[in-house]
Amino acid sequence: MRPNFVFFGEDIPQDAHRQAVEEARACDLMLVVGTSGTVAPASHLPGIAKDFGAFIVEINPERTEISRRIADLSIAESAGLALPGIVAVFDDLE
């Protein structure tokens, strides 16, 4: 039985990659959470979103290439600390 995810070193299914690129091109805001930003092709998605005008927020305790070159806002926290705060802000807006 094979789990429904891509193992390191495997190709992403073409349809999933195509859809991810389409979504990156269409988004206004992209959250990049807890990744080194170095494993392609997923590492290209923040740059694609930025090229199409999205605001890029990186959440990662460590600086990455995304922090240095692409992110409009870098939050130097773990996802477990930062994301609940972000959700709370949006809940307050409703």
N, C-alpha and C. Protein backbone atom coordinates (compact mmCIF):
# COMPACT_ATOMS: atom_id res chain seq x y z
N MET A 1 0.84 -1.16 0.00
CA MET A 1 0.00 0.00 0.00
C MET A 1 0.90 1.24 0.00
N ARG A 2 0.61 2.18 -0.87
CA ARG A 2 1.42 3.40 -1.01
C ARG A 2 0.67 4.60 -0.44
N PRO A 3 1.35 5.39 0.42
CA PRO A 3 0.71 6.60 0.94
C PRO A 3 0.50 7.63 -0.16
N ASN A 4 -0.42 8.56 0.08
CA ASN A 4 -0.77 9.57 -0.92
C ASN A 4 0.09 10.83 -0.73
N PHE A 5 1.40 10.68 -0.92
CA PHE A 5 2.31 11.83 -0.92
C PHE A 5 3.51 11.49 -1.77
N VAL A 6 4.31 12.49 -2.06
CA VAL A 6 5.49 12.34 -2.90
C VAL A 6 6.70 12.17 -2.01
N PHE A 7 7.45 11.11 -2.21
CA PHE A 7 8.67 10.88 -1.46
C PHE A 7 9.78 11.79 -1.98
N PHE A 8 10.75 12.09 -1.12
CA PHE A 8 11.90 12.89 -1.54
C PHE A 8 12.57 12.23 -2.74
N GLY A 9 12.85 13.03 -3.76
CA GLY A 9 13.50 12.53 -4.97
C GLY A 9 12.53 12.10 -6.05
N GLU A 10 11.25 11.97 -5.72
CA GLU A 10 10.25 11.62 -6.72
C GLU A 10 9.71 12.86 -7.40
N ASP A 11 9.22 12.69 -8.62
CA ASP A 11 8.58 13.79 -9.33
C ASP A 11 7.18 14.03 -8.78
N ILE A 12 6.77 15.31 -8.77
CA ILE A 12 5.40 15.66 -8.43
C ILE A 12 4.54 15.31 -9.63
N PRO A 13 3.35 14.74 -9.42
CA PRO A 13 2.47 14.45 -10.56
C PRO A 13 2.23 15.73 -11.39
N GLN A 14 2.26 15.59 -12.70
CA GLN A 14 2.15 16.74 -13.60
C GLN A 14 0.91 17.58 -13.35
N ASP A 15 -0.23 16.94 -13.13
CA ASP A 15 -1.47 17.70 -12.89
C ASP A 15 -1.38 18.52 -11.61
N ALA A 16 -0.80 17.94 -10.56
CA ALA A 16 -0.66 18.67 -9.29
C ALA A 16 0.30 19.85 -9.46
N HIS A 17 1.38 19.65 -10.20
CA HIS A 17 2.33 20.74 -10.43
C HIS A 17 1.70 21.85 -11.26
N ARG A 18 0.98 21.49 -12.29
CA ARG A 18 0.31 22.48 -13.13
C ARG A 18 -0.68 23.30 -12.31
N GLN A 19 -1.47 22.62 -11.49
CA GLN A 19 -2.45 23.32 -10.66
C GLN A 19 -1.76 24.23 -9.64
N ALA A 20 -0.66 23.79 -9.06
CA ALA A 20 0.07 24.61 -8.09
C ALA A 20 0.60 25.88 -8.74
N VAL A 21 1.11 25.77 -9.95
CA VAL A 21 1.61 26.93 -10.68
C VAL A 21 0.46 27.88 -11.00
N GLU A 22 -0.67 27.34 -11.44
CA GLU A 22 -1.85 28.18 -11.72
C GLU A 22 -2.30 28.93 -10.47
N GLU A 23 -2.34 28.24 -9.34
CA GLU A 23 -2.74 28.88 -8.08
C GLU A 23 -1.73 29.94 -7.65
N ALA A 24 -0.45 29.68 -7.84
CA ALA A 24 0.58 30.66 -7.50
C ALA A 24 0.43 31.91 -8.35
N ARG A 25 0.12 31.74 -9.61
CA ARG A 25 -0.07 32.89 -10.50
C ARG A 25 -1.29 33.72 -10.11
N ALA A 26 -2.30 33.07 -9.53
CA ALA A 26 -3.58 33.73 -9.26
C ALA A 26 -3.69 34.30 -7.84
N CYS A 27 -2.81 33.91 -6.94
CA CYS A 27 -2.99 34.31 -5.54
C CYS A 27 -2.56 35.76 -5.29
N ASP A 28 -3.18 36.35 -4.28
CA ASP A 28 -2.81 37.69 -3.83
C ASP A 28 -1.84 37.64 -2.67
N LEU A 29 -1.89 36.56 -1.90
CA LEU A 29 -1.08 36.37 -0.72
C LEU A 29 -0.63 34.93 -0.68
N MET A 30 0.66 34.71 -0.44
CA MET A 30 1.16 33.35 -0.27
C MET A 30 1.88 33.26 1.06
N LEU A 31 1.46 32.30 1.89
CA LEU A 31 2.17 31.98 3.12
C LEU A 31 3.13 30.85 2.82
N VAL A 32 4.39 31.06 3.12
CA VAL A 32 5.43 30.04 2.93
C VAL A 32 5.85 29.65 4.34
N VAL A 33 5.48 28.43 4.75
CA VAL A 33 5.58 28.06 6.16
C VAL A 33 6.54 26.89 6.36
N GLY A 34 7.58 27.14 7.15
CA GLY A 34 8.46 26.08 7.63
C GLY A 34 9.20 25.29 6.58
N THR A 35 9.70 25.94 5.57
CA THR A 35 10.45 25.24 4.53
C THR A 35 11.77 25.93 4.28
N SER A 36 12.75 25.16 3.85
CA SER A 36 14.04 25.75 3.49
C SER A 36 13.94 26.49 2.17
N GLY A 37 12.93 26.15 1.39
CA GLY A 37 12.76 26.80 0.09
C GLY A 37 13.78 26.38 -0.93
N THR A 38 14.33 25.18 -0.77
CA THR A 38 15.39 24.74 -1.68
C THR A 38 15.03 23.52 -2.52
N VAL A 39 13.91 22.88 -2.26
CA VAL A 39 13.56 21.66 -2.99
C VAL A 39 12.63 21.99 -4.14
N ALA A 40 13.14 21.85 -5.36
CA ALA A 40 12.36 22.13 -6.57
C ALA A 40 11.46 20.94 -6.88
N PRO A 41 10.35 21.18 -7.53
CA PRO A 41 9.86 22.42 -8.10
C PRO A 41 9.05 23.27 -7.14
N ALA A 42 8.73 22.76 -5.94
CA ALA A 42 7.92 23.55 -5.01
C ALA A 42 8.62 24.85 -4.62
N SER A 43 9.93 24.86 -4.60
CA SER A 43 10.67 26.06 -4.22
C SER A 43 10.47 27.21 -5.20
N HIS A 44 9.99 26.91 -6.39
CA HIS A 44 9.76 27.95 -7.41
C HIS A 44 8.43 28.69 -7.22
N LEU A 45 7.51 28.09 -6.48
CA LEU A 45 6.17 28.66 -6.37
C LEU A 45 6.14 30.06 -5.74
N PRO A 46 6.88 30.35 -4.66
CA PRO A 46 6.86 31.72 -4.14
C PRO A 46 7.35 32.75 -5.16
N GLY A 47 8.36 32.42 -5.93
CA GLY A 47 8.85 33.34 -6.96
C GLY A 47 7.83 33.57 -8.06
N ILE A 48 7.12 32.53 -8.44
CA ILE A 48 6.06 32.67 -9.44
C ILE A 48 4.97 33.59 -8.90
N ALA A 49 4.55 33.34 -7.66
CA ALA A 49 3.51 34.18 -7.06
C ALA A 49 3.97 35.63 -6.99
N LYS A 50 5.21 35.86 -6.58
CA LYS A 50 5.75 37.22 -6.48
C LYS A 50 5.75 37.89 -7.85
N ASP A 51 6.18 37.16 -8.89
CA ASP A 51 6.21 37.71 -10.25
C ASP A 51 4.83 38.14 -10.73
N PHE A 52 3.78 37.50 -10.19
CA PHE A 52 2.42 37.83 -10.58
C PHE A 52 1.73 38.75 -9.57
N GLY A 53 2.52 39.36 -8.69
CA GLY A 53 2.01 40.41 -7.82
C GLY A 53 1.58 40.01 -6.43
N ALA A 54 1.81 38.77 -6.03
CA ALA A 54 1.38 38.34 -4.69
C ALA A 54 2.30 38.92 -3.61
N PHE A 55 1.74 39.09 -2.43
CA PHE A 55 2.47 39.47 -1.24
C PHE A 55 2.92 38.17 -0.59
N ILE A 56 4.21 38.02 -0.33
CA ILE A 56 4.78 36.77 0.17
C ILE A 56 5.13 36.93 1.65
N VAL A 57 4.55 36.06 2.48
CA VAL A 57 4.86 36.02 3.91
C VAL A 57 5.55 34.70 4.21
N GLU A 58 6.75 34.79 4.74
CA GLU A 58 7.47 33.57 5.13
C GLU A 58 7.42 33.44 6.65
N ILE A 59 7.09 32.25 7.11
CA ILE A 59 7.09 31.93 8.54
C ILE A 59 8.12 30.82 8.73
N ASN A 60 9.22 31.18 9.38
CA ASN A 60 10.31 30.23 9.56
C ASN A 60 11.27 30.81 10.59
N PRO A 61 11.67 30.04 11.58
CA PRO A 61 12.61 30.57 12.57
C PRO A 61 13.98 30.87 11.97
N GLU A 62 14.32 30.25 10.87
CA GLU A 62 15.62 30.45 10.21
C GLU A 62 15.45 31.26 8.94
N ARG A 63 16.43 32.11 8.63
CA ARG A 63 16.42 32.84 7.36
C ARG A 63 16.72 31.87 6.22
N THR A 64 16.06 32.09 5.09
CA THR A 64 16.24 31.24 3.91
C THR A 64 16.44 32.14 2.69
N GLU A 65 16.60 31.53 1.55
CA GLU A 65 16.67 32.30 0.30
C GLU A 65 15.36 33.06 0.08
N ILE A 66 14.26 32.49 0.52
CA ILE A 66 12.97 33.17 0.38
C ILE A 66 12.98 34.44 1.22
N SER A 67 13.48 34.37 2.46
CA SER A 67 13.56 35.56 3.33
C SER A 67 14.43 36.63 2.69
N ARG A 68 15.55 36.19 2.16
CA ARG A 68 16.54 37.14 1.63
C ARG A 68 16.13 37.76 0.30
N ARG A 69 15.39 37.03 -0.52
CA ARG A 69 15.19 37.50 -1.90
C ARG A 69 13.74 37.72 -2.32
N ILE A 70 12.79 37.05 -1.67
CA ILE A 70 11.43 37.06 -2.20
C ILE A 70 10.41 37.62 -1.22
N ALA A 71 10.53 37.28 0.06
CA ALA A 71 9.49 37.60 1.04
C ALA A 71 9.31 39.10 1.23
N ASP A 72 8.04 39.50 1.28
CA ASP A 72 7.70 40.87 1.65
C ASP A 72 7.69 41.03 3.16
N LEU A 73 7.40 39.93 3.84
CA LEU A 73 7.38 39.92 5.30
C LEU A 73 7.92 38.57 5.76
N SER A 74 8.90 38.59 6.65
CA SER A 74 9.42 37.36 7.24
C SER A 74 9.10 37.37 8.73
N ILE A 75 8.49 36.30 9.18
CA ILE A 75 8.16 36.14 10.60
C ILE A 75 9.09 35.06 11.13
N ALA A 76 10.02 35.44 11.98
CA ALA A 76 11.04 34.52 12.49
C ALA A 76 10.54 33.78 13.72
N GLU A 77 9.54 32.95 13.50
CA GLU A 77 8.93 32.12 14.55
C GLU A 77 8.63 30.75 13.97
N SER A 78 8.38 29.82 14.86
CA SER A 78 7.93 28.51 14.39
C SER A 78 6.48 28.64 13.93
N ALA A 79 6.08 27.73 13.08
CA ALA A 79 4.69 27.73 12.59
C ALA A 79 3.73 27.57 13.75
N GLY A 80 4.08 26.75 14.73
CA GLY A 80 3.20 26.51 15.88
C GLY A 80 2.93 27.76 16.70
N LEU A 81 3.87 28.70 16.70
CA LEU A 81 3.66 29.96 17.41
C LEU A 81 3.01 31.02 16.53
N ALA A 82 3.46 31.13 15.30
CA ALA A 82 3.02 32.22 14.42
C ALA A 82 1.61 32.02 13.86
N LEU A 83 1.30 30.83 13.41
CA LEU A 83 0.02 30.62 12.73
C LEU A 83 -1.20 30.87 13.62
N PRO A 84 -1.22 30.42 14.87
CA PRO A 84 -2.40 30.74 15.69
C PRO A 84 -2.61 32.25 15.84
N GLY A 85 -1.53 33.02 15.94
CA GLY A 85 -1.66 34.47 16.02
C GLY A 85 -2.24 35.07 14.76
N ILE A 86 -1.80 34.57 13.61
CA ILE A 86 -2.32 35.06 12.33
C ILE A 86 -3.80 34.73 12.21
N VAL A 87 -4.18 33.51 12.55
CA VAL A 87 -5.58 33.11 12.50
C VAL A 87 -6.42 33.99 13.43
N ALA A 88 -5.92 34.29 14.61
CA ALA A 88 -6.65 35.12 15.57
C ALA A 88 -6.89 36.52 15.01
N VAL A 89 -5.91 37.09 14.31
CA VAL A 89 -6.08 38.40 13.69
C VAL A 89 -7.20 38.37 12.67
N PHE A 90 -7.23 37.34 11.83
CA PHE A 90 -8.29 37.25 10.82
C PHE A 90 -9.64 36.98 11.45
N ASP A 91 -9.67 36.20 12.55
CA ASP A 91 -10.94 36.00 13.25
C ASP A 91 -11.48 37.30 13.80
N ASP A 92 -10.59 38.16 14.28
CA ASP A 92 -11.01 39.46 14.82
C ASP A 92 -11.55 40.39 13.73
N LEU A 93 -11.13 40.19 12.50
CA LEU A 93 -11.59 41.03 11.40
C LEU A 93 -13.02 40.71 10.96
N GLU A 94 -13.46 39.51 11.28
CA GLU A 94 -14.81 39.08 10.86
C GLU A 94 -15.90 39.71 11.66
